[in-house]
Amino acid sequence: MTPATTHGELGKLRWHCRRGLLELDIILERFNARHLELLDADQLALFRELLALGDNDLLDVVMGRMPSPDQRFDPLLTLLRTP
């Protein structure tokens, strides 16, 4: 965990990962377990931006059915797509 990140902040991010689509919940839950605490402050800010997408759009972007809305998200999308 980065020094600037508190457990409360990570908890809020985890809460924002609870979505209305089961497939998306599974992907985000796996990402959180493997990567969330390892992200630096810039990556966490990008992740928050990515989570602002609607459920269907976010799932389509993560699954590669829709292009990334911003190239800055590409490293995070790679992590999200890692089985």
N, C-alpha and C. Protein backbone atom coordinates (compact mmCIF):
# COMPACT_ATOMS: atom_id res chain seq x y z
N MET A 1 0.85 -1.18 0.00
CA MET A 1 0.00 0.00 0.00
C MET A 1 0.89 1.23 0.00
N THR A 2 0.50 2.21 -0.74
CA THR A 2 1.28 3.45 -0.78
C THR A 2 1.06 4.22 0.51
N PRO A 3 2.07 4.98 0.95
CA PRO A 3 1.94 5.72 2.21
C PRO A 3 0.77 6.71 2.22
N ALA A 4 0.45 7.27 1.07
CA ALA A 4 -0.61 8.28 1.01
C ALA A 4 -2.01 7.65 0.99
N THR A 5 -2.06 6.33 0.91
CA THR A 5 -3.33 5.64 0.81
C THR A 5 -3.70 5.01 2.14
N THR A 6 -4.88 5.32 2.61
CA THR A 6 -5.34 4.73 3.86
C THR A 6 -6.25 3.54 3.56
N HIS A 7 -6.45 2.72 4.58
CA HIS A 7 -7.38 1.60 4.41
C HIS A 7 -8.78 2.11 4.11
N GLY A 8 -9.13 3.27 4.66
CA GLY A 8 -10.44 3.86 4.38
C GLY A 8 -10.61 4.21 2.92
N GLU A 9 -9.56 4.78 2.32
CA GLU A 9 -9.63 5.12 0.90
C GLU A 9 -9.77 3.87 0.04
N LEU A 10 -9.00 2.84 0.40
CA LEU A 10 -9.11 1.59 -0.36
C LEU A 10 -10.48 0.96 -0.17
N GLY A 11 -11.02 1.08 1.03
CA GLY A 11 -12.36 0.57 1.28
C GLY A 11 -13.41 1.26 0.42
N LYS A 12 -13.27 2.57 0.27
CA LYS A 12 -14.19 3.33 -0.59
C LYS A 12 -14.08 2.86 -2.04
N LEU A 13 -12.84 2.65 -2.50
CA LEU A 13 -12.65 2.16 -3.86
C LEU A 13 -13.28 0.79 -4.04
N ARG A 14 -13.06 -0.08 -3.06
CA ARG A 14 -13.67 -1.42 -3.14
C ARG A 14 -15.19 -1.32 -3.19
N TRP A 15 -15.75 -0.38 -2.43
CA TRP A 15 -17.20 -0.20 -2.45
C TRP A 15 -17.66 0.26 -3.84
N HIS A 16 -16.90 1.14 -4.48
CA HIS A 16 -17.25 1.61 -5.82
C HIS A 16 -17.11 0.51 -6.87
N CYS A 17 -16.42 -0.54 -6.53
CA CYS A 17 -16.26 -1.68 -7.44
C CYS A 17 -17.47 -2.61 -7.40
N ARG A 18 -18.35 -2.41 -6.46
CA ARG A 18 -19.56 -3.23 -6.40
C ARG A 18 -20.51 -2.71 -7.46
N ARG A 19 -20.74 -3.52 -8.47
CA ARG A 19 -21.51 -3.07 -9.62
C ARG A 19 -22.77 -3.90 -9.79
N GLY A 20 -23.55 -3.55 -10.79
CA GLY A 20 -24.80 -4.24 -11.06
C GLY A 20 -24.67 -5.43 -11.97
N LEU A 21 -23.49 -5.66 -12.50
CA LEU A 21 -23.27 -6.79 -13.41
C LEU A 21 -22.36 -7.81 -12.74
N LEU A 22 -22.82 -9.04 -12.65
CA LEU A 22 -22.05 -10.09 -11.98
C LEU A 22 -20.67 -10.26 -12.61
N GLU A 23 -20.61 -10.25 -13.94
CA GLU A 23 -19.32 -10.43 -14.63
C GLU A 23 -18.33 -9.35 -14.21
N LEU A 24 -18.81 -8.13 -14.14
CA LEU A 24 -17.96 -7.01 -13.76
C LEU A 24 -17.55 -7.11 -12.30
N ASP A 25 -18.47 -7.52 -11.44
CA ASP A 25 -18.13 -7.72 -10.02
C ASP A 25 -17.00 -8.73 -9.87
N ILE A 26 -17.06 -9.80 -10.61
CA ILE A 26 -16.04 -10.85 -10.53
C ILE A 26 -14.69 -10.32 -10.99
N ILE A 27 -14.66 -9.60 -12.09
CA ILE A 27 -13.41 -9.04 -12.62
C ILE A 27 -12.81 -8.05 -11.62
N LEU A 28 -13.64 -7.16 -11.11
CA LEU A 28 -13.15 -6.14 -10.18
C LEU A 28 -12.72 -6.74 -8.84
N GLU A 29 -13.43 -7.74 -8.39
CA GLU A 29 -13.06 -8.41 -7.14
C GLU A 29 -11.69 -9.08 -7.28
N ARG A 30 -11.47 -9.74 -8.40
CA ARG A 30 -10.17 -10.39 -8.65
C ARG A 30 -9.06 -9.33 -8.74
N PHE A 31 -9.34 -8.23 -9.44
CA PHE A 31 -8.37 -7.14 -9.55
C PHE A 31 -8.02 -6.58 -8.17
N ASN A 32 -9.03 -6.34 -7.36
CA ASN A 32 -8.81 -5.79 -6.03
C ASN A 32 -7.94 -6.71 -5.18
N ALA A 33 -8.22 -7.99 -5.23
CA ALA A 33 -7.46 -8.96 -4.43
C ALA A 33 -5.99 -9.01 -4.86
N ARG A 34 -5.74 -8.87 -6.14
CA ARG A 34 -4.38 -9.02 -6.65
C ARG A 34 -3.58 -7.72 -6.74
N HIS A 35 -4.26 -6.61 -7.04
CA HIS A 35 -3.51 -5.42 -7.44
C HIS A 35 -3.80 -4.13 -6.67
N LEU A 36 -4.97 -4.00 -6.08
CA LEU A 36 -5.38 -2.70 -5.55
C LEU A 36 -4.37 -2.10 -4.58
N GLU A 37 -3.90 -2.87 -3.63
CA GLU A 37 -2.99 -2.32 -2.61
C GLU A 37 -1.60 -2.02 -3.16
N LEU A 38 -1.32 -2.48 -4.38
CA LEU A 38 -0.01 -2.25 -4.99
C LEU A 38 0.02 -1.01 -5.88
N LEU A 39 -1.15 -0.42 -6.14
CA LEU A 39 -1.21 0.74 -7.02
C LEU A 39 -0.68 1.98 -6.31
N ASP A 40 0.01 2.82 -7.08
CA ASP A 40 0.47 4.09 -6.51
C ASP A 40 -0.66 5.11 -6.62
N ALA A 41 -0.43 6.30 -6.09
CA ALA A 41 -1.47 7.33 -6.04
C ALA A 41 -2.00 7.70 -7.42
N ASP A 42 -1.11 7.80 -8.41
CA ASP A 42 -1.56 8.13 -9.77
C ASP A 42 -2.43 7.03 -10.35
N GLN A 43 -2.02 5.79 -10.14
CA GLN A 43 -2.80 4.66 -10.65
C GLN A 43 -4.16 4.58 -9.96
N LEU A 44 -4.18 4.86 -8.66
CA LEU A 44 -5.47 4.86 -7.94
C LEU A 44 -6.39 5.95 -8.48
N ALA A 45 -5.84 7.11 -8.79
CA ALA A 45 -6.66 8.19 -9.36
C ALA A 45 -7.23 7.76 -10.72
N LEU A 46 -6.42 7.11 -11.53
CA LEU A 46 -6.90 6.62 -12.83
C LEU A 46 -7.97 5.56 -12.64
N PHE A 47 -7.78 4.69 -11.66
CA PHE A 47 -8.76 3.65 -11.39
C PHE A 47 -10.09 4.27 -10.99
N ARG A 48 -10.05 5.32 -10.17
CA ARG A 48 -11.28 6.03 -9.79
C ARG A 48 -11.98 6.59 -11.04
N GLU A 49 -11.19 7.16 -11.94
CA GLU A 49 -11.77 7.69 -13.19
C GLU A 49 -12.41 6.58 -14.00
N LEU A 50 -11.73 5.46 -14.10
CA LEU A 50 -12.25 4.32 -14.87
C LEU A 50 -13.56 3.83 -14.26
N LEU A 51 -13.63 3.80 -12.94
CA LEU A 51 -14.85 3.35 -12.26
C LEU A 51 -16.02 4.30 -12.46
N ALA A 52 -15.77 5.50 -12.94
CA ALA A 52 -16.85 6.46 -13.19
C ALA A 52 -17.67 6.07 -14.42
N LEU A 53 -17.14 5.17 -15.24
CA LEU A 53 -17.91 4.70 -16.39
C LEU A 53 -19.12 3.91 -15.91
N GLY A 54 -20.15 3.92 -16.69
CA GLY A 54 -21.33 3.09 -16.38
C GLY A 54 -20.97 1.61 -16.46
N ASP A 55 -21.78 0.79 -15.84
CA ASP A 55 -21.49 -0.64 -15.77
C ASP A 55 -21.28 -1.28 -17.14
N ASN A 56 -22.20 -1.06 -18.05
CA ASN A 56 -22.09 -1.69 -19.37
C ASN A 56 -20.88 -1.19 -20.14
N ASP A 57 -20.63 0.11 -20.09
CA ASP A 57 -19.46 0.66 -20.77
C ASP A 57 -18.16 0.13 -20.16
N LEU A 58 -18.10 0.09 -18.84
CA LEU A 58 -16.90 -0.41 -18.17
C LEU A 58 -16.65 -1.87 -18.54
N LEU A 59 -17.69 -2.68 -18.52
CA LEU A 59 -17.52 -4.09 -18.90
C LEU A 59 -17.06 -4.20 -20.35
N ASP A 60 -17.64 -3.42 -21.24
CA ASP A 60 -17.24 -3.47 -22.65
C ASP A 60 -15.78 -3.05 -22.83
N VAL A 61 -15.35 -2.04 -22.10
CA VAL A 61 -13.95 -1.58 -22.19
C VAL A 61 -13.01 -2.66 -21.64
N VAL A 62 -13.35 -3.21 -20.49
CA VAL A 62 -12.50 -4.23 -19.87
C VAL A 62 -12.43 -5.47 -20.76
N MET A 63 -13.54 -5.85 -21.36
CA MET A 63 -13.57 -7.04 -22.21
C MET A 63 -12.99 -6.78 -23.60
N GLY A 64 -12.68 -5.53 -23.92
CA GLY A 64 -12.10 -5.20 -25.22
C GLY A 64 -13.13 -5.08 -26.32
N ARG A 65 -14.40 -5.03 -25.97
CA ARG A 65 -15.46 -4.89 -26.98
C ARG A 65 -15.64 -3.43 -27.39
N MET A 66 -15.07 -2.54 -26.60
CA MET A 66 -15.14 -1.11 -26.86
C MET A 66 -13.74 -0.55 -26.60
N PRO A 67 -13.30 0.40 -27.41
CA PRO A 67 -11.96 0.95 -27.18
C PRO A 67 -11.88 1.71 -25.87
N SER A 68 -10.69 1.76 -25.34
CA SER A 68 -10.44 2.51 -24.11
C SER A 68 -10.77 3.98 -24.34
N PRO A 69 -11.46 4.62 -23.40
CA PRO A 69 -11.79 6.03 -23.58
C PRO A 69 -10.57 6.95 -23.46
N ASP A 70 -9.47 6.41 -22.96
CA ASP A 70 -8.26 7.20 -22.77
C ASP A 70 -7.08 6.24 -22.67
N GLN A 71 -6.02 6.52 -23.39
CA GLN A 71 -4.83 5.64 -23.36
C GLN A 71 -4.22 5.53 -21.98
N ARG A 72 -4.45 6.51 -21.13
CA ARG A 72 -3.91 6.45 -19.77
C ARG A 72 -4.44 5.24 -19.00
N PHE A 73 -5.60 4.71 -19.40
CA PHE A 73 -6.20 3.57 -18.73
C PHE A 73 -5.60 2.23 -19.16
N ASP A 74 -4.85 2.22 -20.25
CA ASP A 74 -4.38 0.96 -20.84
C ASP A 74 -3.62 0.06 -19.87
N PRO A 75 -2.68 0.58 -19.06
CA PRO A 75 -2.00 -0.33 -18.11
C PRO A 75 -2.96 -0.95 -17.09
N LEU A 76 -3.94 -0.19 -16.63
CA LEU A 76 -4.93 -0.74 -15.70
C LEU A 76 -5.81 -1.76 -16.39
N LEU A 77 -6.18 -1.49 -17.63
CA LEU A 77 -7.00 -2.45 -18.37
C LEU A 77 -6.25 -3.75 -18.58
N THR A 78 -4.95 -3.67 -18.80
CA THR A 78 -4.15 -4.89 -18.94
C THR A 78 -4.22 -5.70 -17.64
N LEU A 79 -4.11 -5.03 -16.51
CA LEU A 79 -4.21 -5.73 -15.22
C LEU A 79 -5.60 -6.31 -15.02
N LEU A 80 -6.63 -5.56 -15.39
CA LEU A 80 -8.00 -6.04 -15.23
C LEU A 80 -8.27 -7.25 -16.12
N ARG A 81 -7.60 -7.34 -17.24
CA ARG A 81 -7.82 -8.47 -18.17
C ARG A 81 -6.98 -9.69 -17.85
N THR A 82 -6.06 -9.56 -16.92
CA THR A 82 -5.19 -10.68 -16.57
C THR A 82 -5.99 -11.73 -15.81
N PRO A 83 -6.02 -12.97 -16.32
CA PRO A 83 -6.79 -14.03 -15.63
C PRO A 83 -6.19 -14.42 -14.31
